[in-house]
């Protein structure tokens, strides 16, 4: 009887402790209006596509015959390319977009986040903005979507820019803590309702080569956009539907001129994969940044843009 009482009170104490943690870290969804006011100033706009109001930034000369389209990584947003767009806009039309499930675009009505769904989305986006041929770039998940789009519609993708791109089999242990929590099915109910800002800050700092470059405003952006209505569940669904490395055998079929940019301090997608991309892709140029991490275009826009400008200038 004494043993049963001890077990009972232990369960009560643990349950109370969990309840207190949930209460202390409870974060309700953020409504779209307030988020748009802060994170979608001009030149942001929204277009209706696939039942969503898709957040895009489309800037630069409209007579550019081959615009640049940039795709962000998982749990990120088009803001990661803000500095690139501002630097390129005088001579190039540059389009960035919040992919379904992320940023201000929010969740897919169909709950579909497989790579095939993203490639179809990109092609419909190009049709919607009246673009036939592009230079297509992407970081991490966005890189995987970019190279798979190049294979699906090679006549529309003239060049590829892959930045710390997904494509080969990844280790789950390399993911930031926020992704590891999201991947734990037993924690889903709790994870949809809590989101300590400290977890987001730790995850953002983890993907920078130099964590001291992470500003509080940047943490605010990742934190608040993660709380956009529906985004937490969408992240879980994307992780459930992800098939890391399932199509890596197709990379050798890429024919487009490809620029591979890589932060050598990337702890999520190992730098060894950069060499694999340029081994598998015949027409490939590799540029490494020894001091940068997983999102080098955001961490140091000036340095990472230099090889991009050289790549764009080639015939």
C-alpha atoms as a PDB file:
ATOM      1  CA  UNK A   1       0.000   0.000   0.000  1.00  0.00           C
ATOM      2  CA  UNK A   2       2.861   2.372   0.863  1.00  0.00           C
ATOM      3  CA  UNK A   3       4.424   1.654  -2.561  1.00  0.00           C
ATOM      4  CA  UNK A   4       1.148   2.478  -4.332  1.00  0.00           C
ATOM      5  CA  UNK A   5       0.820   5.735  -2.425  1.00  0.00           C
ATOM      6  CA  UNK A   6       4.386   6.693  -3.306  1.00  0.00           C
ATOM      7  CA  UNK A   7       3.722   5.980  -6.991  1.00  0.00           C
ATOM      8  CA  UNK A   8       0.481   7.946  -6.875  1.00  0.00           C
ATOM      9  CA  UNK A   9       2.064  11.046  -5.353  1.00  0.00           C
ATOM     10  CA  UNK A  10       5.049  10.801  -7.708  1.00  0.00           C
ATOM     11  CA  UNK A  11       2.609  10.809 -10.651  1.00  0.00           C
ATOM     12  CA  UNK A  12       0.754  13.768  -9.182  1.00  0.00           C
ATOM     13  CA  UNK A  13       3.955  15.771  -8.720  1.00  0.00           C
ATOM     14  CA  UNK A  14       5.185  14.957 -12.234  1.00  0.00           C
ATOM     15  CA  UNK A  15       1.826  15.860 -13.756  1.00  0.00           C
ATOM     16  CA  UNK A  16       1.800  19.131 -11.850  1.00  0.00           C
ATOM     17  CA  UNK A  17       5.338  19.868 -13.023  1.00  0.00           C
ATOM     18  CA  UNK A  18       4.437  19.214 -16.663  1.00  0.00           C
ATOM     19  CA  UNK A  19       1.325  21.366 -16.332  1.00  0.00           C
ATOM     20  CA  UNK A  20       3.400  24.215 -14.909  1.00  0.00           C
ATOM     21  CA  UNK A  21       5.924  23.975 -17.764  1.00  0.00           C
ATOM     22  CA  UNK A  22       3.131  24.021 -20.357  1.00  0.00           C
ATOM     23  CA  UNK A  23       1.468  26.969 -18.619  1.00  0.00           C
ATOM     24  CA  UNK A  24       4.747  28.913 -18.411  1.00  0.00           C
ATOM     25  CA  UNK A  25       5.652  28.367 -22.072  1.00  0.00           C
ATOM     26  CA  UNK A  26       2.187  28.485 -23.634  1.00  0.00           C
ATOM     27  CA  UNK A  27       2.228  30.449 -26.881  1.00  0.00           C
ATOM     28  CA  UNK A  28      -1.016  30.987 -28.785  1.00  0.00           C
ATOM     29  CA  UNK A  29      -1.061  31.231 -32.552  1.00  0.00           C
ATOM     30  CA  UNK A  30      -0.365  34.663 -33.988  1.00  0.00           C
ATOM     31  CA  UNK A  31      -3.077  36.072 -36.214  1.00  0.00           C
ATOM     32  CA  UNK A  32      -2.102  37.085 -39.716  1.00  0.00           C
ATOM     33  CA  UNK A  33      -2.995  40.778 -39.497  1.00  0.00           C
ATOM     34  CA  UNK A  34      -0.405  41.730 -36.894  1.00  0.00           C
ATOM     35  CA  UNK A  35       2.264  39.612 -38.574  1.00  0.00           C
ATOM     36  CA  UNK A  36       1.645  41.186 -41.972  1.00  0.00           C
ATOM     37  CA  UNK A  37       1.929  44.654 -40.483  1.00  0.00           C
ATOM     38  CA  UNK A  38       5.401  43.896 -39.149  1.00  0.00           C
ATOM     39  CA  UNK A  39       6.852  41.394 -41.597  1.00  0.00           C
ATOM     40  CA  UNK A  40       5.282  42.254 -44.961  1.00  0.00           C
ATOM     41  CA  UNK A  41       6.062  45.904 -45.723  1.00  0.00           C
ATOM     42  CA  UNK A  42       6.559  46.977 -49.334  1.00  0.00           C
ATOM     43  CA  UNK A  43       7.653  45.426 -51.636  1.00  0.00           C
ATOM     44  CA  UNK A  44       5.820  42.418 -50.192  1.00  0.00           C
ATOM     45  CA  UNK A  45       2.577  41.393 -51.852  1.00  0.00           C
ATOM     46  CA  UNK A  46       0.187  38.450 -51.818  1.00  0.00           C
ATOM     47  CA  UNK A  47      -1.136  36.405 -54.727  1.00  0.00           C
ATOM     48  CA  UNK A  48      -3.838  33.764 -54.667  1.00  0.00           C
ATOM     49  CA  UNK A  49      -2.473  30.359 -55.581  1.00  0.00           C
ATOM     50  CA  UNK A  50      -3.646  26.829 -54.757  1.00  0.00           C
ATOM     51  CA  UNK A  51      -6.164  28.134 -52.228  1.00  0.00           C
ATOM     52  CA  UNK A  52      -3.540  30.175 -50.361  1.00  0.00           C
ATOM     53  CA  UNK A  53      -2.639  33.839 -50.143  1.00  0.00           C
ATOM     54  CA  UNK A  54       1.020  33.404 -51.050  1.00  0.00           C
ATOM     55  CA  UNK A  55       3.510  35.950 -49.726  1.00  0.00           C
ATOM     56  CA  UNK A  56       6.010  37.048 -52.377  1.00  0.00           C
ATOM     57  CA  UNK A  57       8.504  39.807 -53.115  1.00  0.00           C
ATOM     58  CA  UNK A  58       8.845  40.447 -56.831  1.00  0.00           C
ATOM     59  CA  UNK A  59      11.215  43.312 -57.585  1.00  0.00           C
ATOM     60  CA  UNK A  60      13.492  44.520 -60.356  1.00  0.00           C
ATOM     61  CA  UNK A  61      13.050  45.192 -64.093  1.00  0.00           C
ATOM     62  CA  UNK A  62      10.047  43.427 -65.637  1.00  0.00           C
ATOM     63  CA  UNK A  63      11.834  43.045 -68.975  1.00  0.00           C
ATOM     64  CA  UNK A  64      14.475  40.743 -67.466  1.00  0.00           C
ATOM     65  CA  UNK A  65      14.277  37.655 -69.742  1.00  0.00           C
ATOM     66  CA  UNK A  66      15.540  35.286 -67.022  1.00  0.00           C
ATOM     67  CA  UNK A  67      14.462  36.350 -63.530  1.00  0.00           C
ATOM     68  CA  UNK A  68      16.019  34.902 -60.405  1.00  0.00           C
ATOM     69  CA  UNK A  69      13.656  32.920 -58.158  1.00  0.00           C
ATOM     70  CA  UNK A  70      14.830  32.179 -54.611  1.00  0.00           C
ATOM     71  CA  UNK A  71      13.439  29.500 -52.273  1.00  0.00           C
ATOM     72  CA  UNK A  72      14.077  29.404 -48.530  1.00  0.00           C
ATOM     73  CA  UNK A  73      14.678  26.450 -46.242  1.00  0.00           C
ATOM     74  CA  UNK A  74      12.472  24.683 -43.701  1.00  0.00           C
ATOM     75  CA  UNK A  75      11.009  26.911 -40.971  1.00  0.00           C
ATOM     76  CA  UNK A  76      12.445  29.977 -42.722  1.00  0.00           C
ATOM     77  CA  UNK A  77      10.885  32.624 -44.964  1.00  0.00           C
ATOM     78  CA  UNK A  78      11.609  34.858 -47.945  1.00  0.00           C
ATOM     79  CA  UNK A  79      13.275  37.348 -45.581  1.00  0.00           C
ATOM     80  CA  UNK A  80      16.418  35.218 -45.687  1.00  0.00           C
ATOM     81  CA  UNK A  81      17.084  36.664 -49.188  1.00  0.00           C
ATOM     82  CA  UNK A  82      16.219  40.275 -48.388  1.00  0.00           C
ATOM     83  CA  UNK A  83      19.785  41.585 -48.710  1.00  0.00           C
ATOM     84  CA  UNK A  84      20.402  39.625 -51.912  1.00  0.00           C
ATOM     85  CA  UNK A  85      17.250  41.003 -53.489  1.00  0.00           C
ATOM     86  CA  UNK A  86      18.117  44.591 -52.615  1.00  0.00           C
ATOM     87  CA  UNK A  87      21.590  44.174 -54.102  1.00  0.00           C
ATOM     88  CA  UNK A  88      20.360  42.527 -57.311  1.00  0.00           C
ATOM     89  CA  UNK A  89      17.199  44.497 -58.057  1.00  0.00           C
ATOM     90  CA  UNK A  90      18.776  47.212 -60.222  1.00  0.00           C
ATOM     91  CA  UNK A  91      19.792  44.753 -62.949  1.00  0.00           C
ATOM     92  CA  UNK A  92      17.734  41.636 -62.275  1.00  0.00           C
ATOM     93  CA  UNK A  93      14.141  40.745 -61.592  1.00  0.00           C
ATOM     94  CA  UNK A  94      14.277  38.804 -58.337  1.00  0.00           C
ATOM     95  CA  UNK A  95      11.365  36.859 -56.877  1.00  0.00           C
ATOM     96  CA  UNK A  96      11.304  35.331 -53.407  1.00  0.00           C
ATOM     97  CA  UNK A  97       8.378  33.497 -51.849  1.00  0.00           C
ATOM     98  CA  UNK A  98       7.185  32.013 -48.578  1.00  0.00           C
ATOM     99  CA  UNK A  99       6.695  28.337 -49.412  1.00  0.00           C
ATOM    100  CA  UNK A 100       3.507  26.592 -48.228  1.00  0.00           C
ATOM    101  CA  UNK A 101       3.694  25.756 -44.553  1.00  0.00           C
ATOM    102  CA  UNK A 102       6.073  28.588 -43.704  1.00  0.00           C
ATOM    103  CA  UNK A 103       6.271  32.328 -43.264  1.00  0.00           C
ATOM    104  CA  UNK A 104       3.183  34.383 -43.997  1.00  0.00           C
ATOM    105  CA  UNK A 105       1.889  32.014 -46.683  1.00  0.00           C
ATOM    106  CA  UNK A 106       0.972  29.514 -44.007  1.00  0.00           C
ATOM    107  CA  UNK A 107      -0.318  25.959 -44.325  1.00  0.00           C
ATOM    108  CA  UNK A 108      -1.342  24.147 -47.480  1.00  0.00           C
ATOM    109  CA  UNK A 109      -5.112  23.515 -47.509  1.00  0.00           C
ATOM    110  CA  UNK A 110      -4.367  19.953 -48.631  1.00  0.00           C
ATOM    111  CA  UNK A 111      -1.712  19.392 -45.943  1.00  0.00           C
ATOM    112  CA  UNK A 112       0.695  18.320 -48.701  1.00  0.00           C
ATOM    113  CA  UNK A 113       4.389  19.058 -48.137  1.00  0.00           C
ATOM    114  CA  UNK A 114       6.235  16.415 -50.137  1.00  0.00           C
ATOM    115  CA  UNK A 115       8.882  17.580 -52.548  1.00  0.00           C
ATOM    116  CA  UNK A 116       6.599  16.804 -55.498  1.00  0.00           C
ATOM    117  CA  UNK A 117       3.997  19.200 -54.124  1.00  0.00           C
ATOM    118  CA  UNK A 118       6.586  21.946 -53.757  1.00  0.00           C
ATOM    119  CA  UNK A 119       7.919  21.523 -57.294  1.00  0.00           C
ATOM    120  CA  UNK A 120       4.398  21.743 -58.716  1.00  0.00           C
ATOM    121  CA  UNK A 121       3.810  24.817 -56.568  1.00  0.00           C
ATOM    122  CA  UNK A 122       6.934  26.514 -57.954  1.00  0.00           C
ATOM    123  CA  UNK A 123       5.868  25.886 -61.544  1.00  0.00           C
ATOM    124  CA  UNK A 124       2.384  27.265 -60.888  1.00  0.00           C
ATOM    125  CA  UNK A 125       3.970  30.275 -59.213  1.00  0.00           C
ATOM    126  CA  UNK A 126       6.053  30.948 -62.337  1.00  0.00           C
ATOM    127  CA  UNK A 127       2.908  30.758 -64.449  1.00  0.00           C
ATOM    128  CA  UNK A 128       1.093  33.129 -62.098  1.00  0.00           C
ATOM    129  CA  UNK A 129       3.780  35.819 -62.319  1.00  0.00           C
ATOM    130  CA  UNK A 130       4.229  35.343 -66.062  1.00  0.00           C
ATOM    131  CA  UNK A 131       7.756  33.946 -66.040  1.00  0.00           C
ATOM    132  CA  UNK A 132       8.873  31.299 -68.522  1.00  0.00           C
ATOM    133  CA  UNK A 133      12.621  30.894 -67.847  1.00  0.00           C
ATOM    134  CA  UNK A 134      14.460  31.390 -64.559  1.00  0.00           C
ATOM    135  CA  UNK A 135      17.633  31.094 -62.613  1.00  0.00           C
ATOM    136  CA  UNK A 136      16.372  29.006 -59.704  1.00  0.00           C
ATOM    137  CA  UNK A 137      18.079  29.116 -56.319  1.00  0.00           C
ATOM    138  CA  UNK A 138      17.342  27.519 -52.993  1.00  0.00           C
ATOM    139  CA  UNK A 139      18.702  26.967 -49.510  1.00  0.00           C
ATOM    140  CA  UNK A 140      18.336  23.591 -47.718  1.00  0.00           C
ATOM    141  CA  UNK A 141      14.745  22.430 -48.423  1.00  0.00           C
ATOM    142  CA  UNK A 142      14.523  25.200 -51.024  1.00  0.00           C
ATOM    143  CA  UNK A 143      17.617  23.821 -52.733  1.00  0.00           C
ATOM    144  CA  UNK A 144      16.059  20.374 -52.972  1.00  0.00           C
ATOM    145  CA  UNK A 145      12.888  21.870 -54.420  1.00  0.00           C
ATOM    146  CA  UNK A 146      15.019  23.863 -56.885  1.00  0.00           C
ATOM    147  CA  UNK A 147      16.985  20.919 -58.297  1.00  0.00           C
ATOM    148  CA  UNK A 148      13.906  18.718 -58.465  1.00  0.00           C
ATOM    149  CA  UNK A 149      12.062  21.485 -60.341  1.00  0.00           C
ATOM    150  CA  UNK A 150      15.012  21.684 -62.746  1.00  0.00           C
ATOM    151  CA  UNK A 151      14.605  17.974 -63.442  1.00  0.00           C
ATOM    152  CA  UNK A 152      10.818  18.147 -63.769  1.00  0.00           C
ATOM    153  CA  UNK A 153      10.823  21.158 -66.112  1.00  0.00           C
ATOM    154  CA  UNK A 154      14.348  21.520 -67.545  1.00  0.00           C
ATOM    155  CA  UNK A 155      13.124  23.839 -70.295  1.00  0.00           C
ATOM    156  CA  UNK A 156      12.177  26.447 -67.674  1.00  0.00           C
ATOM    157  CA  UNK A 157      15.270  26.398 -65.450  1.00  0.00           C
ATOM    158  CA  UNK A 158      18.337  27.858 -67.157  1.00  0.00           C
ATOM    159  CA  UNK A 159      20.695  27.825 -64.150  1.00  0.00           C
ATOM    160  CA  UNK A 160      20.699  26.487 -60.589  1.00  0.00           C
ATOM    161  CA  UNK A 161      22.039  27.961 -57.357  1.00  0.00           C
ATOM    162  CA  UNK A 162      22.148  25.427 -54.510  1.00  0.00           C
ATOM    163  CA  UNK A 163      22.929  26.759 -51.028  1.00  0.00           C
ATOM    164  CA  UNK A 164      23.634  24.135 -48.356  1.00  0.00           C
ATOM    165  CA  UNK A 165      21.036  22.115 -50.227  1.00  0.00           C
ATOM    166  CA  UNK A 166      19.124  19.056 -49.152  1.00  0.00           C
ATOM    167  CA  UNK A 167      19.280  16.061 -51.438  1.00  0.00           C
ATOM    168  CA  UNK A 168      21.367  13.342 -49.825  1.00  0.00           C
ATOM    169  CA  UNK A 169      20.495  11.226 -46.787  1.00  0.00           C
ATOM    170  CA  UNK A 170      20.647  13.341 -43.612  1.00  0.00           C
ATOM    171  CA  UNK A 171      21.170  12.318 -40.011  1.00  0.00           C
ATOM    172  CA  UNK A 172      18.194  13.235 -37.754  1.00  0.00           C
ATOM    173  CA  UNK A 173      20.669  14.102 -35.000  1.00  0.00           C
ATOM    174  CA  UNK A 174      22.034  17.000 -37.055  1.00  0.00           C
ATOM    175  CA  UNK A 175      18.761  18.917 -36.796  1.00  0.00           C
ATOM    176  CA  UNK A 176      18.365  21.932 -34.447  1.00  0.00           C
ATOM    177  CA  UNK A 177      16.608  21.248 -31.160  1.00  0.00           C
ATOM    178  CA  UNK A 178      13.371  22.865 -32.364  1.00  0.00           C
ATOM    179  CA  UNK A 179      13.210  20.391 -35.265  1.00  0.00           C
ATOM    180  CA  UNK A 180      14.042  17.447 -33.008  1.00  0.00           C
ATOM    181  CA  UNK A 181      11.190  18.406 -30.676  1.00  0.00           C
ATOM    182  CA  UNK A 182       8.863  18.813 -33.660  1.00  0.00           C
ATOM    183  CA  UNK A 183       9.872  15.378 -34.899  1.00  0.00           C
ATOM    184  CA  UNK A 184       8.926  13.662 -31.630  1.00  0.00           C
ATOM    185  CA  UNK A 185       5.402  12.372 -32.246  1.00  0.00           C
ATOM    186  CA  UNK A 186       4.708  11.889 -28.555  1.00  0.00           C
ATOM    187  CA  UNK A 187       5.197  15.606 -27.947  1.00  0.00           C
ATOM    188  CA  UNK A 188       2.998  16.867 -30.787  1.00  0.00           C
ATOM    189  CA  UNK A 189       0.020  17.932 -28.677  1.00  0.00           C
ATOM    190  CA  UNK A 190       2.292  19.904 -26.380  1.00  0.00           C
ATOM    191  CA  UNK A 191       4.480  21.255 -29.199  1.00  0.00           C
ATOM    192  CA  UNK A 192       1.463  22.721 -30.988  1.00  0.00           C
ATOM    193  CA  UNK A 193       0.692  24.788 -27.924  1.00  0.00           C
ATOM    194  CA  UNK A 194       4.033  25.809 -26.483  1.00  0.00           C
ATOM    195  CA  UNK A 195       7.071  27.404 -28.068  1.00  0.00           C
ATOM    196  CA  UNK A 196       9.708  28.837 -25.751  1.00  0.00           C
ATOM    197  CA  UNK A 197      11.422  31.749 -27.456  1.00  0.00           C
ATOM    198  CA  UNK A 198      14.687  30.417 -26.048  1.00  0.00           C
ATOM    199  CA  UNK A 199      14.294  27.259 -28.157  1.00  0.00           C
ATOM    200  CA  UNK A 200      13.947  29.335 -31.323  1.00  0.00           C
ATOM    201  CA  UNK A 201      16.925  31.502 -30.391  1.00  0.00           C
ATOM    202  CA  UNK A 202      19.055  28.427 -29.698  1.00  0.00           C
ATOM    203  CA  UNK A 203      18.060  26.894 -33.040  1.00  0.00           C
ATOM    204  CA  UNK A 204      18.832  30.048 -35.030  1.00  0.00           C
ATOM    205  CA  UNK A 205      22.182  30.465 -33.320  1.00  0.00           C
ATOM    206  CA  UNK A 206      22.905  26.806 -34.059  1.00  0.00           C
ATOM    207  CA  UNK A 207      22.609  27.318 -37.837  1.00  0.00           C
ATOM    208  CA  UNK A 208      24.920  30.346 -37.948  1.00  0.00           C
ATOM    209  CA  UNK A 209      28.660  29.883 -38.280  1.00  0.00           C
ATOM    210  CA  UNK A 210      29.079  32.810 -35.886  1.00  0.00           C
ATOM    211  CA  UNK A 211      26.196  32.805 -33.364  1.00  0.00           C
ATOM    212  CA  UNK A 212      27.061  36.357 -32.299  1.00  0.00           C
ATOM    213  CA  UNK A 213      25.665  37.579 -35.635  1.00  0.00           C
ATOM    214  CA  UNK A 214      22.163  36.539 -34.594  1.00  0.00           C
ATOM    215  CA  UNK A 215      20.248  39.686 -33.670  1.00  0.00           C
ATOM    216  CA  UNK A 216      17.181  39.841 -31.461  1.00  0.00           C
ATOM    217  CA  UNK A 217      15.126  41.158 -34.380  1.00  0.00           C
ATOM    218  CA  UNK A 218      16.109  38.078 -36.376  1.00  0.00           C
ATOM    219  CA  UNK A 219      15.054  35.821 -33.511  1.00  0.00           C
ATOM    220  CA  UNK A 220      11.775  37.764 -33.325  1.00  0.00           C
ATOM    221  CA  UNK A 221      11.154  37.059 -37.009  1.00  0.00           C
ATOM    222  CA  UNK A 222      11.724  33.325 -36.774  1.00  0.00           C
ATOM    223  CA  UNK A 223       9.747  33.137 -33.524  1.00  0.00           C
ATOM    224  CA  UNK A 224       6.715  35.126 -34.655  1.00  0.00           C
ATOM    225  CA  UNK A 225       6.453  33.522 -38.095  1.00  0.00           C
ATOM    226  CA  UNK A 226       6.688  30.069 -36.510  1.00  0.00           C
ATOM    227  CA  UNK A 227       3.586  31.042 -34.530  1.00  0.00           C
ATOM    228  CA  UNK A 228       1.595  32.087 -37.597  1.00  0.00           C
ATOM    229  CA  UNK A 229      -1.755  30.258 -37.511  1.00  0.00           C
ATOM    230  CA  UNK A 230      -1.222  26.705 -38.760  1.00  0.00           C
ATOM    231  CA  UNK A 231       2.556  26.820 -39.171  1.00  0.00           C
ATOM    232  CA  UNK A 232       3.401  24.612 -36.213  1.00  0.00           C
ATOM    233  CA  UNK A 233       1.197  21.787 -37.442  1.00  0.00           C
ATOM    234  CA  UNK A 234       2.484  22.294 -40.995  1.00  0.00           C
ATOM    235  CA  UNK A 235       6.064  21.849 -39.758  1.00  0.00           C
ATOM    236  CA  UNK A 236       5.122  18.537 -38.146  1.00  0.00           C
ATOM    237  CA  UNK A 237       3.416  17.395 -41.339  1.00  0.00           C
ATOM    238  CA  UNK A 238       6.412  18.395 -43.458  1.00  0.00           C
ATOM    239  CA  UNK A 239       8.735  16.419 -41.192  1.00  0.00           C
ATOM    240  CA  UNK A 240       6.427  13.376 -41.361  1.00  0.00           C
ATOM    241  CA  UNK A 241       6.325  13.567 -45.166  1.00  0.00           C
ATOM    242  CA  UNK A 242      10.020  14.228 -45.702  1.00  0.00           C
ATOM    243  CA  UNK A 243      11.964  11.438 -47.411  1.00  0.00           C
ATOM    244  CA  UNK A 244      15.558  12.443 -46.906  1.00  0.00           C
ATOM    245  CA  UNK A 245      17.792  11.211 -49.703  1.00  0.00           C
ATOM    246  CA  UNK A 246      15.020   9.291 -51.481  1.00  0.00           C
ATOM    247  CA  UNK A 247      15.790  10.918 -54.844  1.00  0.00           C
ATOM    248  CA  UNK A 248      19.532  11.435 -54.541  1.00  0.00           C
ATOM    249  CA  UNK A 249      20.122   9.057 -57.467  1.00  0.00           C
ATOM    250  CA  UNK A 250      18.445  11.639 -59.737  1.00  0.00           C
ATOM    251  CA  UNK A 251      20.981  14.377 -59.019  1.00  0.00           C
ATOM    252  CA  UNK A 252      23.269  12.997 -61.731  1.00  0.00           C
ATOM    253  CA  UNK A 253      20.605  13.856 -64.293  1.00  0.00           C
ATOM    254  CA  UNK A 254      20.892  17.609 -63.702  1.00  0.00           C
ATOM    255  CA  UNK A 255      22.200  19.276 -66.861  1.00  0.00           C
ATOM    256  CA  UNK A 256      21.886  22.956 -65.988  1.00  0.00           C
ATOM    257  CA  UNK A 257      24.949  25.011 -65.039  1.00  0.00           C
ATOM    258  CA  UNK A 258      24.951  24.846 -61.252  1.00  0.00           C
ATOM    259  CA  UNK A 259      26.555  27.001 -58.578  1.00  0.00           C
ATOM    260  CA  UNK A 260      26.917  25.273 -55.210  1.00  0.00           C
ATOM    261  CA  UNK A 261      27.463  27.580 -52.235  1.00  0.00           C
ATOM    262  CA  UNK A 262      28.204  26.082 -48.835  1.00  0.00           C
ATOM    263  CA  UNK A 263      28.931  27.260 -45.319  1.00  0.00           C
ATOM    264  CA  UNK A 264      31.695  24.987 -44.063  1.00  0.00           C
ATOM    265  CA  UNK A 265      30.400  25.356 -40.477  1.00  0.00           C
ATOM    266  CA  UNK A 266      27.018  23.913 -41.417  1.00  0.00           C
ATOM    267  CA  UNK A 267      26.090  21.463 -38.690  1.00  0.00           C
ATOM    268  CA  UNK A 268      22.833  20.403 -40.349  1.00  0.00           C
ATOM    269  CA  UNK A 269      23.861  19.488 -43.894  1.00  0.00           C
ATOM    270  CA  UNK A 270      27.514  18.412 -43.841  1.00  0.00           C
ATOM    271  CA  UNK A 271      30.015  20.135 -46.105  1.00  0.00           C
ATOM    272  CA  UNK A 272      30.861  16.751 -47.634  1.00  0.00           C
ATOM    273  CA  UNK A 273      27.560  16.971 -49.492  1.00  0.00           C
ATOM    274  CA  UNK A 274      28.797  20.030 -51.381  1.00  0.00           C
ATOM    275  CA  UNK A 275      31.505  17.889 -52.972  1.00  0.00           C
ATOM    276  CA  UNK A 276      28.970  15.168 -53.754  1.00  0.00           C
ATOM    277  CA  UNK A 277      26.751  17.649 -55.602  1.00  0.00           C
ATOM    278  CA  UNK A 278      29.654  18.811 -57.733  1.00  0.00           C
ATOM    279  CA  UNK A 279      30.754  15.248 -58.370  1.00  0.00           C
ATOM    280  CA  UNK A 280      27.268  14.213 -59.490  1.00  0.00           C
ATOM    281  CA  UNK A 281      26.404  17.357 -61.496  1.00  0.00           C
ATOM    282  CA  UNK A 282      28.591  17.640 -64.628  1.00  0.00           C
ATOM    283  CA  UNK A 283      28.491  21.440 -65.017  1.00  0.00           C
ATOM    284  CA  UNK A 284      29.084  22.512 -61.422  1.00  0.00           C
ATOM    285  CA  UNK A 285      31.019  25.254 -59.619  1.00  0.00           C
ATOM    286  CA  UNK A 286      31.625  24.974 -55.871  1.00  0.00           C
ATOM    287  CA  UNK A 287      32.325  27.889 -53.524  1.00  0.00           C
ATOM    288  CA  UNK A 288      32.917  27.243 -49.810  1.00  0.00           C
ATOM    289  CA  UNK A 289      32.725  29.811 -47.009  1.00  0.00           C
ATOM    290  CA  UNK A 290      34.889  28.535 -44.135  1.00  0.00           C
ATOM    291  CA  UNK A 291      33.400  30.817 -41.469  1.00  0.00           C
ATOM    292  CA  UNK A 292      29.681  30.557 -42.367  1.00  0.00           C
ATOM    293  CA  UNK A 293      26.944  28.126 -41.399  1.00  0.00           C
ATOM    294  CA  UNK A 294      23.723  26.649 -42.779  1.00  0.00           C
ATOM    295  CA  UNK A 295      22.169  29.868 -44.113  1.00  0.00           C
ATOM    296  CA  UNK A 296      25.208  31.693 -45.529  1.00  0.00           C
ATOM    297  CA  UNK A 297      23.147  34.048 -47.722  1.00  0.00           C
ATOM    298  CA  UNK A 298      21.573  35.476 -44.571  1.00  0.00           C
ATOM    299  CA  UNK A 299      24.658  35.382 -42.377  1.00  0.00           C
ATOM    300  CA  UNK A 300      26.882  37.258 -44.857  1.00  0.00           C
ATOM    301  CA  UNK A 301      24.953  38.502 -47.884  1.00  0.00           C
ATOM    302  CA  UNK A 302      27.824  40.558 -49.311  1.00  0.00           C
ATOM    303  CA  UNK A 303      30.383  37.761 -49.355  1.00  0.00           C
ATOM    304  CA  UNK A 304      27.998  35.095 -50.638  1.00  0.00           C
ATOM    305  CA  UNK A 305      26.655  37.301 -53.422  1.00  0.00           C
ATOM    306  CA  UNK A 306      30.047  37.781 -55.106  1.00  0.00           C
ATOM    307  CA  UNK A 307      30.204  34.308 -56.685  1.00  0.00           C
ATOM    308  CA  UNK A 308      26.536  34.611 -57.596  1.00  0.00           C
ATOM    309  CA  UNK A 309      27.238  37.748 -59.634  1.00  0.00           C
ATOM    310  CA  UNK A 310      30.079  35.993 -61.433  1.00  0.00           C
ATOM    311  CA  UNK A 311      27.835  32.999 -62.119  1.00  0.00           C
ATOM    312  CA  UNK A 312      25.031  35.158 -63.475  1.00  0.00           C
ATOM    313  CA  UNK A 313      27.435  36.957 -65.811  1.00  0.00           C
ATOM    314  CA  UNK A 314      28.471  33.738 -67.552  1.00  0.00           C
ATOM    315  CA  UNK A 315      26.848  32.802 -70.850  1.00  0.00           C
END
